[in-house]
N, C-alpha and C. Protein backbone atom coordinates (compact mmCIF):
# COMPACT_ATOMS: atom_id res chain seq x y z
N UNK A 1 -45.63 127.53 -88.69
CA UNK A 1 -46.91 127.81 -88.28
C UNK A 1 -47.81 128.13 -89.32
N UNK A 2 -47.40 128.94 -90.44
CA UNK A 2 -48.51 129.22 -91.55
C UNK A 2 -48.87 128.10 -92.17
N UNK A 3 -47.98 127.09 -92.25
CA UNK A 3 -48.37 125.88 -93.08
C UNK A 3 -49.39 125.10 -92.26
N UNK A 4 -49.45 125.00 -91.13
CA UNK A 4 -50.30 124.24 -90.30
C UNK A 4 -51.60 124.98 -90.45
N UNK A 5 -51.95 126.21 -90.47
CA UNK A 5 -53.20 126.71 -90.42
C UNK A 5 -53.73 127.16 -91.82
N UNK A 6 -52.82 127.04 -92.60
CA UNK A 6 -53.22 127.22 -94.18
C UNK A 6 -53.95 126.13 -94.87
N UNK A 7 -53.65 125.03 -94.30
CA UNK A 7 -54.38 123.62 -94.83
C UNK A 7 -55.72 123.51 -94.44
N UNK A 8 -56.65 122.89 -95.20
CA UNK A 8 -57.89 122.70 -94.76
C UNK A 8 -58.05 121.46 -94.19
N UNK A 9 -58.88 121.58 -92.99
CA UNK A 9 -59.07 120.54 -92.11
C UNK A 9 -60.51 119.75 -92.53
N UNK A 10 -60.15 118.47 -92.58
CA UNK A 10 -61.44 117.56 -93.12
C UNK A 10 -62.18 117.02 -91.94
N UNK A 11 -61.49 117.06 -90.65
CA UNK A 11 -62.03 116.20 -89.78
C UNK A 11 -63.01 117.18 -88.68
N UNK A 12 -63.26 118.51 -89.20
CA UNK A 12 -64.07 119.51 -88.54
C UNK A 12 -65.83 118.90 -88.45
N UNK A 13 -66.29 118.75 -87.30
CA UNK A 13 -67.62 118.31 -87.19
C UNK A 13 -68.43 119.57 -86.64
N UNK A 14 -69.68 119.65 -87.03
CA UNK A 14 -70.49 120.75 -86.55
C UNK A 14 -71.01 120.34 -85.34
N UNK A 15 -71.49 121.27 -84.54
CA UNK A 15 -71.97 120.87 -83.29
C UNK A 15 -73.35 121.32 -83.27
N UNK A 16 -74.44 120.41 -82.80
CA UNK A 16 -75.74 120.79 -82.56
C UNK A 16 -75.99 120.78 -81.13
N UNK A 17 -77.06 121.63 -80.73
CA UNK A 17 -77.40 121.87 -79.37
C UNK A 17 -78.93 122.34 -79.36
N UNK A 18 -79.33 122.13 -78.28
CA UNK A 18 -80.76 122.52 -77.97
C UNK A 18 -80.67 124.05 -77.25
N UNK A 19 -81.99 124.56 -77.85
CA UNK A 19 -82.25 126.21 -77.47
C UNK A 19 -82.15 126.13 -75.84
N UNK A 20 -82.62 125.08 -74.92
CA UNK A 20 -82.66 125.08 -73.67
C UNK A 20 -81.22 125.05 -73.07
N UNK A 21 -80.35 124.49 -73.66
CA UNK A 21 -78.93 124.60 -73.11
C UNK A 21 -78.26 125.71 -73.28
N UNK A 22 -78.38 126.48 -74.60
CA UNK A 22 -77.79 127.76 -74.58
C UNK A 22 -78.64 128.58 -73.72
N UNK A 23 -79.89 128.64 -73.48
CA UNK A 23 -80.56 129.74 -72.35
C UNK A 23 -80.14 129.31 -71.00
N UNK A 24 -79.82 128.10 -70.69
CA UNK A 24 -79.30 127.87 -69.35
C UNK A 24 -77.94 128.41 -69.27
N UNK A 25 -76.99 128.20 -70.25
CA UNK A 25 -75.57 128.71 -70.11
C UNK A 25 -75.63 130.09 -70.07
N UNK A 26 -76.41 131.00 -70.90
CA UNK A 26 -76.56 132.47 -70.90
C UNK A 26 -77.00 132.94 -69.64
N UNK A 27 -77.97 132.33 -69.11
CA UNK A 27 -78.70 132.77 -67.85
C UNK A 27 -77.64 132.54 -66.70
N UNK A 28 -76.83 131.37 -66.64
CA UNK A 28 -75.74 131.07 -65.57
C UNK A 28 -74.75 132.13 -65.86
N UNK A 29 -74.15 132.56 -67.01
CA UNK A 29 -73.21 133.49 -66.98
C UNK A 29 -73.44 134.92 -66.63
N UNK A 30 -75.05 135.23 -66.85
CA UNK A 30 -75.41 136.56 -66.32
C UNK A 30 -75.45 136.54 -64.79
N UNK A 31 -75.66 135.50 -64.19
CA UNK A 31 -75.77 135.42 -62.77
C UNK A 31 -74.51 135.51 -61.99
N UNK A 32 -73.28 135.43 -62.58
CA UNK A 32 -72.00 135.44 -62.03
C UNK A 32 -71.42 136.99 -61.96
N UNK A 33 -71.19 137.32 -60.73
CA UNK A 33 -70.42 138.43 -60.47
C UNK A 33 -68.92 138.30 -59.91
N UNK A 34 -68.32 138.98 -60.15
CA UNK A 34 -66.83 139.12 -59.49
C UNK A 34 -66.79 140.19 -58.56
N UNK A 35 -66.07 139.57 -57.52
CA UNK A 35 -65.95 140.70 -56.32
C UNK A 35 -64.60 140.77 -55.94
N UNK A 36 -64.16 142.00 -55.95
CA UNK A 36 -62.69 142.27 -55.64
C UNK A 36 -62.46 142.45 -54.12
N UNK A 37 -61.60 141.54 -53.66
CA UNK A 37 -61.14 141.66 -52.19
C UNK A 37 -59.81 142.49 -52.13
N UNK A 38 -59.27 142.38 -51.24
CA UNK A 38 -57.75 143.18 -50.99
C UNK A 38 -56.88 142.60 -51.95
N UNK A 39 -56.62 141.28 -51.91
CA UNK A 39 -55.66 140.52 -52.64
C UNK A 39 -56.08 139.50 -53.63
N UNK A 40 -57.60 139.28 -53.56
CA UNK A 40 -58.28 138.32 -54.34
C UNK A 40 -59.47 138.67 -55.14
N UNK A 41 -59.55 137.98 -55.96
CA UNK A 41 -61.04 138.34 -56.73
C UNK A 41 -61.95 136.86 -56.45
N UNK A 42 -63.23 137.26 -56.03
CA UNK A 42 -64.05 136.05 -56.02
C UNK A 42 -65.19 136.13 -56.98
N UNK A 43 -65.40 134.89 -57.55
CA UNK A 43 -66.72 134.74 -58.35
C UNK A 43 -67.93 134.30 -57.53
N UNK A 44 -69.05 135.06 -57.68
CA UNK A 44 -70.05 134.63 -56.63
C UNK A 44 -71.30 134.60 -57.99
N UNK A 45 -71.98 133.28 -57.82
CA UNK A 45 -73.06 132.84 -58.41
C UNK A 45 -74.32 133.19 -57.85
N UNK A 46 -75.32 134.05 -58.26
CA UNK A 46 -76.36 134.69 -57.59
C UNK A 46 -77.51 133.50 -58.10
N UNK A 47 -78.51 133.39 -57.25
CA UNK A 47 -79.61 132.50 -57.59
C UNK A 47 -80.50 133.43 -57.70
C-alpha cells in the first residue's frame, strides 16, 4: 500500500470551473436539511 501512494502520478489533471457553478453548489448544499424520523432520516431541499 505504501508503494502505491509514494510514487508520483503523472496523469493528474487540474480541474477548472466557473464561479457560477461553485455558487450554485454551495447554495444548494445550504438549502438541504436532514429531518430525523422514528426509523429513517429524510433529506429535504428547501426552495
